[in-house]
Amino acid sequence: MHDYHHEHEHDMHEHPEGHGEYKPIKITFTDFKMERAFAFDPAKGEHGVITYTIPEPGRISIKVLKAGTRELYLQTILNWEHRDAGTHTEKWDGKDYEGKIIDLSEAIMIIEGEPLSTFAPGEYSLKGQSPEEIIHGHPWGHAHNVYDPSANVVPELIVTSIKEGDTISGLVNIESHLGGEVGYGDEAGYGVRYYLDNTLLQEEFYERSCKGNFSYTLDTTAFLDGDYTLFVGMCDHHQHATSRGYKVRISNNSKGEEISKKLR
């Protein structure tokens, strides 16, 4: 199964009192038609199609997630964009944040929305929140309708030390940084995750003082020699996410292979 969505009936549009205490109210989706969301060929210039109906105006998010991972986002189709009440059709080209074609057999689609009636931009504040609340949100999750609109951007991640087709061995430094607009992470900080295929290697949290510079050292001897896709995924703690993926080959000596077998 390659698609699912988050939806909750809402019976109130009131916010709890206090900055940063806003409970997200989710919009209700109906009449989903996802048959063509993944049944197309991006290499031929075809597009996927998603159709849905909402009962009231709202702000909609559609993101593509790599199946088998916790939060490795591959593409943002809609980034909390306004849609009127009624039926809508969205299209996407089957490509990731860097313009590479995604393996659609390993993709999942997440669709969320919040009603425009709860739109209160700029009323969210980090004041008095613990690091845990900043990173993971309140028990109710994140309320996107109260973020400052200027922070609602899809981050641009630039990986400088790895490129497509690299052969890597031993200890490998993975260096990356943000380009363009930094969005909400400039205030809240960042989370960065490193994957080999679907295996989470490391999850790191950075404060805003890092200025959008990230670094991780991968010990390749912990893995069998072979071909992998190395992913670097980043978010700003409020689900504005991006990623980069590179096909690499791990090639160590026989001693490294013996170590990797013991660790597997």
C-alpha atoms as a PDB file:
ATOM      1  CA  MET A   1       0.000   0.000   0.000  1.00  0.00           C
ATOM      2  CA  HIS A   2       1.512   3.303  -1.063  1.00  0.00           C
ATOM      3  CA  ASP A   3      -0.725   5.980   0.381  1.00  0.00           C
ATOM      4  CA  TYR A   4      -2.366   7.010   3.587  1.00  0.00           C
ATOM      5  CA  HIS A   5      -3.612  10.195   5.109  1.00  0.00           C
ATOM      6  CA  HIS A   6      -4.132  11.767   8.504  1.00  0.00           C
ATOM      7  CA  GLU A   7      -7.651  13.007   9.121  1.00  0.00           C
ATOM      8  CA  HIS A   8      -9.629  13.770  12.243  1.00  0.00           C
ATOM      9  CA  GLU A   9     -13.128  15.093  12.716  1.00  0.00           C
ATOM     10  CA  HIS A  10     -13.074  18.477  14.406  1.00  0.00           C
ATOM     11  CA  ASP A  11     -15.816  19.643  16.734  1.00  0.00           C
ATOM     12  CA  MET A  12     -14.200  22.807  18.069  1.00  0.00           C
ATOM     13  CA  HIS A  13     -12.170  25.671  16.704  1.00  0.00           C
ATOM     14  CA  GLU A  14     -11.057  27.126  20.021  1.00  0.00           C
ATOM     15  CA  HIS A  15      -7.421  27.243  21.102  1.00  0.00           C
ATOM     16  CA  PRO A  16      -6.257  26.565  24.652  1.00  0.00           C
ATOM     17  CA  GLU A  17      -4.980  29.691  26.344  1.00  0.00           C
ATOM     18  CA  GLY A  18      -1.301  30.649  26.316  1.00  0.00           C
ATOM     19  CA  HIS A  19       1.388  31.013  23.668  1.00  0.00           C
ATOM     20  CA  GLY A  20       2.467  27.776  22.079  1.00  0.00           C
ATOM     21  CA  GLU A  21      -0.521  25.923  23.563  1.00  0.00           C
ATOM     22  CA  TYR A  22      -2.555  25.659  20.389  1.00  0.00           C
ATOM     23  CA  LYS A  23      -4.189  22.322  19.716  1.00  0.00           C
ATOM     24  CA  PRO A  24      -4.155  21.509  15.983  1.00  0.00           C
ATOM     25  CA  ILE A  25      -7.612  21.002  14.502  1.00  0.00           C
ATOM     26  CA  LYS A  26      -7.466  18.666  11.509  1.00  0.00           C
ATOM     27  CA  ILE A  27      -9.676  19.130   8.502  1.00  0.00           C
ATOM     28  CA  THR A  28     -11.828  16.235   7.242  1.00  0.00           C
ATOM     29  CA  PHE A  29     -10.985  14.693   3.853  1.00  0.00           C
ATOM     30  CA  THR A  30     -13.495  12.709   1.781  1.00  0.00           C
ATOM     31  CA  ASP A  31     -13.771  11.165  -1.685  1.00  0.00           C
ATOM     32  CA  PHE A  32     -10.110  10.281  -2.020  1.00  0.00           C
ATOM     33  CA  LYS A  33      -9.016   9.048  -5.432  1.00  0.00           C
ATOM     34  CA  MET A  34      -5.421   7.873  -5.234  1.00  0.00           C
ATOM     35  CA  GLU A  35      -5.373   5.253  -7.992  1.00  0.00           C
ATOM     36  CA  ARG A  36      -3.036   7.338 -10.135  1.00  0.00           C
ATOM     37  CA  ALA A  37      -0.960   8.830  -7.327  1.00  0.00           C
ATOM     38  CA  PHE A  38       1.803   6.273  -7.928  1.00  0.00           C
ATOM     39  CA  ALA A  39       0.673   4.456 -11.096  1.00  0.00           C
ATOM     40  CA  PHE A  40       2.595   6.519 -13.642  1.00  0.00           C
ATOM     41  CA  ASP A  41       6.033   6.685 -15.241  1.00  0.00           C
ATOM     42  CA  PRO A  42       8.038   9.793 -14.300  1.00  0.00           C
ATOM     43  CA  ALA A  43      10.735   8.858 -16.830  1.00  0.00           C
ATOM     44  CA  LYS A  44       8.174   9.427 -19.620  1.00  0.00           C
ATOM     45  CA  GLY A  45       7.146  12.810 -18.246  1.00  0.00           C
ATOM     46  CA  GLU A  46       3.889  11.459 -16.806  1.00  0.00           C
ATOM     47  CA  HIS A  47       2.362  12.878 -13.636  1.00  0.00           C
ATOM     48  CA  GLY A  48       0.679  11.346 -10.617  1.00  0.00           C
ATOM     49  CA  VAL A  49      -2.831  12.528  -9.721  1.00  0.00           C
ATOM     50  CA  ILE A  50      -4.442  12.921  -6.282  1.00  0.00           C
ATOM     51  CA  THR A  51      -8.101  13.944  -5.912  1.00  0.00           C
ATOM     52  CA  TYR A  52      -9.859  14.779  -2.644  1.00  0.00           C
ATOM     53  CA  THR A  53     -12.745  16.804  -1.210  1.00  0.00           C
ATOM     54  CA  ILE A  54     -12.754  19.095   1.823  1.00  0.00           C
ATOM     55  CA  PRO A  55     -15.928  20.549   3.416  1.00  0.00           C
ATOM     56  CA  GLU A  56     -14.466  23.981   4.189  1.00  0.00           C
ATOM     57  CA  PRO A  57     -11.509  26.161   3.181  1.00  0.00           C
ATOM     58  CA  GLY A  58      -8.235  24.876   4.557  1.00  0.00           C
ATOM     59  CA  ARG A  59      -4.474  24.728   4.290  1.00  0.00           C
ATOM     60  CA  ILE A  60      -3.249  21.432   2.859  1.00  0.00           C
ATOM     61  CA  SER A  61       0.047  19.552   3.123  1.00  0.00           C
ATOM     62  CA  ILE A  62       1.002  16.631   0.875  1.00  0.00           C
ATOM     63  CA  LYS A  63       4.396  14.992   1.338  1.00  0.00           C
ATOM     64  CA  VAL A  64       6.032  11.836   0.014  1.00  0.00           C
ATOM     65  CA  LEU A  65       7.765   9.607   2.566  1.00  0.00           C
ATOM     66  CA  LYS A  66      10.171   6.732   1.947  1.00  0.00           C
ATOM     67  CA  ALA A  67       8.411   3.548   3.025  1.00  0.00           C
ATOM     68  CA  GLY A  68      10.066   1.713   5.899  1.00  0.00           C
ATOM     69  CA  THR A  69      11.551   4.859   7.445  1.00  0.00           C
ATOM     70  CA  ARG A  70      10.331   7.009  10.287  1.00  0.00           C
ATOM     71  CA  GLU A  71      10.653  10.504   8.841  1.00  0.00           C
ATOM     72  CA  LEU A  72      12.604  10.418   5.608  1.00  0.00           C
ATOM     73  CA  TYR A  73      10.652  12.756   3.360  1.00  0.00           C
ATOM     74  CA  LEU A  74      11.373  12.586  -0.367  1.00  0.00           C
ATOM     75  CA  GLN A  75       9.212  15.426  -1.706  1.00  0.00           C
ATOM     76  CA  THR A  76       6.758  18.119  -0.649  1.00  0.00           C
ATOM     77  CA  ILE A  77       3.883  18.353  -3.138  1.00  0.00           C
ATOM     78  CA  LEU A  78       1.872  20.956  -1.194  1.00  0.00           C
ATOM     79  CA  ASN A  79       3.410  22.945   1.651  1.00  0.00           C
ATOM     80  CA  TRP A  80       0.360  24.009   3.684  1.00  0.00           C
ATOM     81  CA  GLU A  81      -1.221  25.785   0.738  1.00  0.00           C
ATOM     82  CA  HIS A  82      -4.731  27.275   0.722  1.00  0.00           C
ATOM     83  CA  ARG A  83      -7.562  25.337  -0.897  1.00  0.00           C
ATOM     84  CA  ASP A  84     -11.258  26.318  -0.967  1.00  0.00           C
ATOM     85  CA  ALA A  85     -14.080  24.012   0.067  1.00  0.00           C
ATOM     86  CA  GLY A  86     -14.826  21.446  -2.621  1.00  0.00           C
ATOM     87  CA  THR A  87     -13.008  18.892  -4.746  1.00  0.00           C
ATOM     88  CA  HIS A  88      -9.375  19.403  -5.730  1.00  0.00           C
ATOM     89  CA  THR A  89      -6.935  17.642  -8.025  1.00  0.00           C
ATOM     90  CA  GLU A  90      -3.190  17.802  -7.350  1.00  0.00           C
ATOM     91  CA  LYS A  91      -0.424  16.572  -9.647  1.00  0.00           C
ATOM     92  CA  TRP A  92       3.200  15.702  -9.048  1.00  0.00           C
ATOM     93  CA  ASP A  93       6.111  14.630 -11.238  1.00  0.00           C
ATOM     94  CA  GLY A  94       7.425  11.671  -9.226  1.00  0.00           C
ATOM     95  CA  LYS A  95      10.730  13.391  -8.463  1.00  0.00           C
ATOM     96  CA  ASP A  96      12.503  14.106  -5.186  1.00  0.00           C
ATOM     97  CA  TYR A  97      13.727  17.427  -3.777  1.00  0.00           C
ATOM     98  CA  GLU A  98      16.801  17.293  -6.011  1.00  0.00           C
ATOM     99  CA  GLY A  99      14.892  16.456  -9.192  1.00  0.00           C
ATOM    100  CA  LYS A 100      15.773  12.750  -9.251  1.00  0.00           C
ATOM    101  CA  ILE A 101      13.107  10.179 -10.072  1.00  0.00           C
ATOM    102  CA  ILE A 102      11.773   8.415  -6.969  1.00  0.00           C
ATOM    103  CA  ASP A 103      11.307   4.650  -6.783  1.00  0.00           C
ATOM    104  CA  LEU A 104       7.517   4.823  -6.515  1.00  0.00           C
ATOM    105  CA  SER A 105       7.314   1.252  -5.192  1.00  0.00           C
ATOM    106  CA  GLU A 106       9.011   2.506  -2.007  1.00  0.00           C
ATOM    107  CA  ALA A 107       6.980   5.671  -1.500  1.00  0.00           C
ATOM    108  CA  ILE A 108       4.111   6.620   0.803  1.00  0.00           C
ATOM    109  CA  MET A 109       1.993   9.767   0.633  1.00  0.00           C
ATOM    110  CA  ILE A 110       0.953  11.719   3.734  1.00  0.00           C
ATOM    111  CA  ILE A 111      -1.918  14.198   3.390  1.00  0.00           C
ATOM    112  CA  GLU A 112      -2.880  16.590   6.187  1.00  0.00           C
ATOM    113  CA  GLY A 113      -4.925  19.752   6.502  1.00  0.00           C
ATOM    114  CA  GLU A 114      -6.086  22.398   8.972  1.00  0.00           C
ATOM    115  CA  PRO A 115      -9.249  24.504   8.472  1.00  0.00           C
ATOM    116  CA  LEU A 116      -8.783  28.141   7.542  1.00  0.00           C
ATOM    117  CA  SER A 117     -11.127  29.045  10.404  1.00  0.00           C
ATOM    118  CA  THR A 118      -8.234  28.307  12.813  1.00  0.00           C
ATOM    119  CA  PHE A 119      -5.675  30.274  10.806  1.00  0.00           C
ATOM    120  CA  ALA A 120      -3.853  32.568  13.264  1.00  0.00           C
ATOM    121  CA  PRO A 121      -0.428  33.251  11.730  1.00  0.00           C
ATOM    122  CA  GLY A 122       2.306  34.529  13.982  1.00  0.00           C
ATOM    123  CA  GLU A 123       0.589  33.576  17.258  1.00  0.00           C
ATOM    124  CA  TYR A 124       2.893  30.634  17.926  1.00  0.00           C
ATOM    125  CA  SER A 125       5.781  31.204  20.314  1.00  0.00           C
ATOM    126  CA  LEU A 126       8.668  29.098  21.617  1.00  0.00           C
ATOM    127  CA  LYS A 127       8.706  31.044  24.861  1.00  0.00           C
ATOM    128  CA  GLY A 128       8.570  28.750  27.883  1.00  0.00           C
ATOM    129  CA  GLN A 129       8.779  25.547  25.845  1.00  0.00           C
ATOM    130  CA  SER A 130      11.172  22.765  26.716  1.00  0.00           C
ATOM    131  CA  PRO A 131      13.566  21.328  24.091  1.00  0.00           C
ATOM    132  CA  GLU A 132      11.356  18.237  23.986  1.00  0.00           C
ATOM    133  CA  GLU A 133       8.285  20.339  23.148  1.00  0.00           C
ATOM    134  CA  ILE A 134      10.179  22.283  20.499  1.00  0.00           C
ATOM    135  CA  ILE A 135      11.406  19.124  18.777  1.00  0.00           C
ATOM    136  CA  HIS A 136       8.388  16.863  19.082  1.00  0.00           C
ATOM    137  CA  GLY A 137       5.545  19.313  19.591  1.00  0.00           C
ATOM    138  CA  HIS A 138       2.888  19.208  22.269  1.00  0.00           C
ATOM    139  CA  PRO A 139       0.995  15.996  23.016  1.00  0.00           C
ATOM    140  CA  TRP A 140      -1.484  17.025  20.313  1.00  0.00           C
ATOM    141  CA  GLY A 141       1.182  17.523  17.643  1.00  0.00           C
ATOM    142  CA  HIS A 142       2.048  20.607  15.623  1.00  0.00           C
ATOM    143  CA  ALA A 143      -0.487  23.364  14.854  1.00  0.00           C
ATOM    144  CA  HIS A 144       0.689  24.752  11.526  1.00  0.00           C
ATOM    145  CA  ASN A 145      -2.003  27.418  11.321  1.00  0.00           C
ATOM    146  CA  VAL A 146      -0.306  29.494  14.014  1.00  0.00           C
ATOM    147  CA  TYR A 147       3.187  29.637  12.480  1.00  0.00           C
ATOM    148  CA  ASP A 148       4.500  32.840  10.975  1.00  0.00           C
ATOM    149  CA  PRO A 149       3.945  32.614   7.181  1.00  0.00           C
ATOM    150  CA  SER A 150       7.531  33.687   6.511  1.00  0.00           C
ATOM    151  CA  ALA A 151       8.720  30.461   8.179  1.00  0.00           C
ATOM    152  CA  ASN A 152       6.560  28.207   6.003  1.00  0.00           C
ATOM    153  CA  VAL A 153       9.230  27.296   3.472  1.00  0.00           C
ATOM    154  CA  VAL A 154      10.613  24.017   2.136  1.00  0.00           C
ATOM    155  CA  PRO A 155      14.285  24.031   3.238  1.00  0.00           C
ATOM    156  CA  GLU A 156      17.073  23.614   0.705  1.00  0.00           C
ATOM    157  CA  LEU A 157      19.770  21.154   1.788  1.00  0.00           C
ATOM    158  CA  ILE A 158      23.183  21.100   0.106  1.00  0.00           C
ATOM    159  CA  VAL A 159      25.455  18.073   0.661  1.00  0.00           C
ATOM    160  CA  THR A 160      29.062  18.970  -0.125  1.00  0.00           C
ATOM    161  CA  SER A 161      31.107  15.859   0.716  1.00  0.00           C
ATOM    162  CA  ILE A 162      29.159  13.111  -1.103  1.00  0.00           C
ATOM    163  CA  LYS A 163      28.055  12.857  -4.714  1.00  0.00           C
ATOM    164  CA  GLU A 164      26.207  10.313  -6.845  1.00  0.00           C
ATOM    165  CA  GLY A 165      28.260   7.192  -7.607  1.00  0.00           C
ATOM    166  CA  ASP A 166      30.958   7.727  -4.961  1.00  0.00           C
ATOM    167  CA  THR A 167      32.896   4.746  -3.624  1.00  0.00           C
ATOM    168  CA  ILE A 168      33.426   5.199   0.106  1.00  0.00           C
ATOM    169  CA  SER A 169      35.453   3.350   2.729  1.00  0.00           C
ATOM    170  CA  GLY A 170      36.628   3.720   6.314  1.00  0.00           C
ATOM    171  CA  LEU A 171      35.437   6.805   8.148  1.00  0.00           C
ATOM    172  CA  VAL A 172      33.520   9.185   5.884  1.00  0.00           C
ATOM    173  CA  ASN A 173      32.542  12.727   6.847  1.00  0.00           C
ATOM    174  CA  ILE A 174      29.117  13.764   5.580  1.00  0.00           C
ATOM    175  CA  GLU A 175      28.998  17.552   5.421  1.00  0.00           C
ATOM    176  CA  SER A 176      25.897  19.537   4.539  1.00  0.00           C
ATOM    177  CA  HIS A 177      24.398  22.976   4.982  1.00  0.00           C
ATOM    178  CA  LEU A 178      21.283  24.975   4.243  1.00  0.00           C
ATOM    179  CA  GLY A 179      20.943  27.170   1.207  1.00  0.00           C
ATOM    180  CA  GLY A 180      18.307  29.788   0.408  1.00  0.00           C
ATOM    181  CA  GLU A 181      15.654  30.588   2.992  1.00  0.00           C
ATOM    182  CA  VAL A 182      16.099  28.832   6.334  1.00  0.00           C
ATOM    183  CA  GLY A 183      12.486  29.021   7.486  1.00  0.00           C
ATOM    184  CA  TYR A 184      11.370  28.019  10.962  1.00  0.00           C
ATOM    185  CA  GLY A 185      14.641  26.299  11.858  1.00  0.00           C
ATOM    186  CA  ASP A 186      16.239  29.715  12.269  1.00  0.00           C
ATOM    187  CA  GLU A 187      14.190  29.984  15.462  1.00  0.00           C
ATOM    188  CA  ALA A 188      13.534  26.392  16.532  1.00  0.00           C
ATOM    189  CA  GLY A 189      16.650  24.542  15.392  1.00  0.00           C
ATOM    190  CA  TYR A 190      16.994  21.492  13.168  1.00  0.00           C
ATOM    191  CA  GLY A 191      16.831  17.715  13.145  1.00  0.00           C
ATOM    192  CA  VAL A 192      19.069  15.768  10.746  1.00  0.00           C
ATOM    193  CA  ARG A 193      18.817  12.034  10.033  1.00  0.00           C
ATOM    194  CA  TYR A 194      21.238   9.844   8.108  1.00  0.00           C
ATOM    195  CA  TYR A 195      20.136   6.617   6.414  1.00  0.00           C
ATOM    196  CA  LEU A 196      21.747   3.829   4.413  1.00  0.00           C
ATOM    197  CA  ASP A 197      18.773   2.557   2.434  1.00  0.00           C
ATOM    198  CA  ASN A 198      16.149   2.161   5.192  1.00  0.00           C
ATOM    199  CA  THR A 199      18.614   1.833   8.070  1.00  0.00           C
ATOM    200  CA  LEU A 200      18.717   4.876  10.347  1.00  0.00           C
ATOM    201  CA  LEU A 201      22.386   5.555  11.084  1.00  0.00           C
ATOM    202  CA  GLN A 202      22.135   8.639  13.238  1.00  0.00           C
ATOM    203  CA  GLU A 203      19.673  11.292  14.365  1.00  0.00           C
ATOM    204  CA  GLU A 204      21.088  14.605  15.530  1.00  0.00           C
ATOM    205  CA  PHE A 205      19.517  17.789  16.848  1.00  0.00           C
ATOM    206  CA  TYR A 206      21.013  21.208  16.243  1.00  0.00           C
ATOM    207  CA  GLU A 207      20.205  24.539  17.839  1.00  0.00           C
ATOM    208  CA  ARG A 208      19.749  27.590  15.656  1.00  0.00           C
ATOM    209  CA  SER A 209      23.283  28.707  16.600  1.00  0.00           C
ATOM    210  CA  CYS A 210      24.610  26.060  14.186  1.00  0.00           C
ATOM    211  CA  LYS A 211      23.661  28.453  11.362  1.00  0.00           C
ATOM    212  CA  GLY A 212      22.464  25.581   9.209  1.00  0.00           C
ATOM    213  CA  ASN A 213      25.734  23.636   9.107  1.00  0.00           C
ATOM    214  CA  PHE A 214      25.611  19.872   9.751  1.00  0.00           C
ATOM    215  CA  SER A 215      28.246  17.141   9.993  1.00  0.00           C
ATOM    216  CA  TYR A 216      28.295  13.392  10.697  1.00  0.00           C
ATOM    217  CA  THR A 217      31.032  10.741  10.458  1.00  0.00           C
ATOM    218  CA  LEU A 218      29.915   7.407   9.002  1.00  0.00           C
ATOM    219  CA  ASP A 219      31.950   4.301   9.871  1.00  0.00           C
ATOM    220  CA  THR A 220      31.505   2.241   6.708  1.00  0.00           C
ATOM    221  CA  THR A 221      33.240  -0.812   8.209  1.00  0.00           C
ATOM    222  CA  ALA A 222      30.031  -1.474  10.146  1.00  0.00           C
ATOM    223  CA  PHE A 223      28.400  -2.510   6.850  1.00  0.00           C
ATOM    224  CA  LEU A 224      29.016  -5.162   4.239  1.00  0.00           C
ATOM    225  CA  ASP A 225      30.651  -4.016   1.032  1.00  0.00           C
ATOM    226  CA  GLY A 226      28.067  -3.300  -1.620  1.00  0.00           C
ATOM    227  CA  ASP A 227      25.744  -0.729  -3.169  1.00  0.00           C
ATOM    228  CA  TYR A 228      23.540   1.500  -1.012  1.00  0.00           C
ATOM    229  CA  THR A 229      21.638   4.749  -1.176  1.00  0.00           C
ATOM    230  CA  LEU A 230      22.884   7.244   1.394  1.00  0.00           C
ATOM    231  CA  PHE A 231      20.192   9.684   2.499  1.00  0.00           C
ATOM    232  CA  VAL A 232      20.518  12.910   4.466  1.00  0.00           C
ATOM    233  CA  GLY A 233      17.121  14.101   5.710  1.00  0.00           C
ATOM    234  CA  MET A 234      16.504  17.378   7.513  1.00  0.00           C
ATOM    235  CA  CYS A 235      13.562  19.052   9.213  1.00  0.00           C
ATOM    236  CA  ASP A 236      13.058  22.258  11.186  1.00  0.00           C
ATOM    237  CA  HIS A 237      11.182  20.525  14.043  1.00  0.00           C
ATOM    238  CA  HIS A 238       7.859  21.646  12.550  1.00  0.00           C
ATOM    239  CA  GLN A 239       7.537  19.265   9.608  1.00  0.00           C
ATOM    240  CA  HIS A 240       9.090  21.533   7.012  1.00  0.00           C
ATOM    241  CA  ALA A 241      11.384  18.873   5.608  1.00  0.00           C
ATOM    242  CA  THR A 242      13.789  18.042   2.798  1.00  0.00           C
ATOM    243  CA  SER A 243      16.340  15.357   1.895  1.00  0.00           C
ATOM    244  CA  ARG A 244      19.096  14.335  -0.469  1.00  0.00           C
ATOM    245  CA  GLY A 245      19.881  10.792  -1.610  1.00  0.00           C
ATOM    246  CA  TYR A 246      23.009   9.465  -3.330  1.00  0.00           C
ATOM    247  CA  LYS A 247      23.823   6.017  -4.667  1.00  0.00           C
ATOM    248  CA  VAL A 248      27.188   4.987  -3.216  1.00  0.00           C
ATOM    249  CA  ARG A 249      29.336   1.869  -3.028  1.00  0.00           C
ATOM    250  CA  ILE A 250      30.978   0.781   0.216  1.00  0.00           C
ATOM    251  CA  SER A 251      34.329  -0.883  -0.438  1.00  0.00           C
ATOM    252  CA  ASN A 252      36.555  -1.879   2.471  1.00  0.00           C
ATOM    253  CA  ASN A 253      39.229  -4.567   2.801  1.00  0.00           C
ATOM    254  CA  SER A 254      38.601  -8.130   4.000  1.00  0.00           C
ATOM    255  CA  LYS A 255      39.164  -7.106   7.615  1.00  0.00           C
ATOM    256  CA  GLY A 256      36.409  -4.562   7.284  1.00  0.00           C
ATOM    257  CA  GLU A 257      34.119  -7.252   5.858  1.00  0.00           C
ATOM    258  CA  GLU A 258      34.798  -9.492   8.861  1.00  0.00           C
ATOM    259  CA  ILE A 259      33.931  -6.660  11.248  1.00  0.00           C
ATOM    260  CA  SER A 260      30.716  -5.859   9.374  1.00  0.00           C
ATOM    261  CA  LYS A 261      29.569  -9.482   9.537  1.00  0.00           C
ATOM    262  CA  LYS A 262      30.019  -9.517  13.285  1.00  0.00           C
ATOM    263  CA  LEU A 263      27.980  -6.300  13.644  1.00  0.00           C
ATOM    264  CA  ARG A 264      25.122  -7.480  11.472  1.00  0.00           C
END
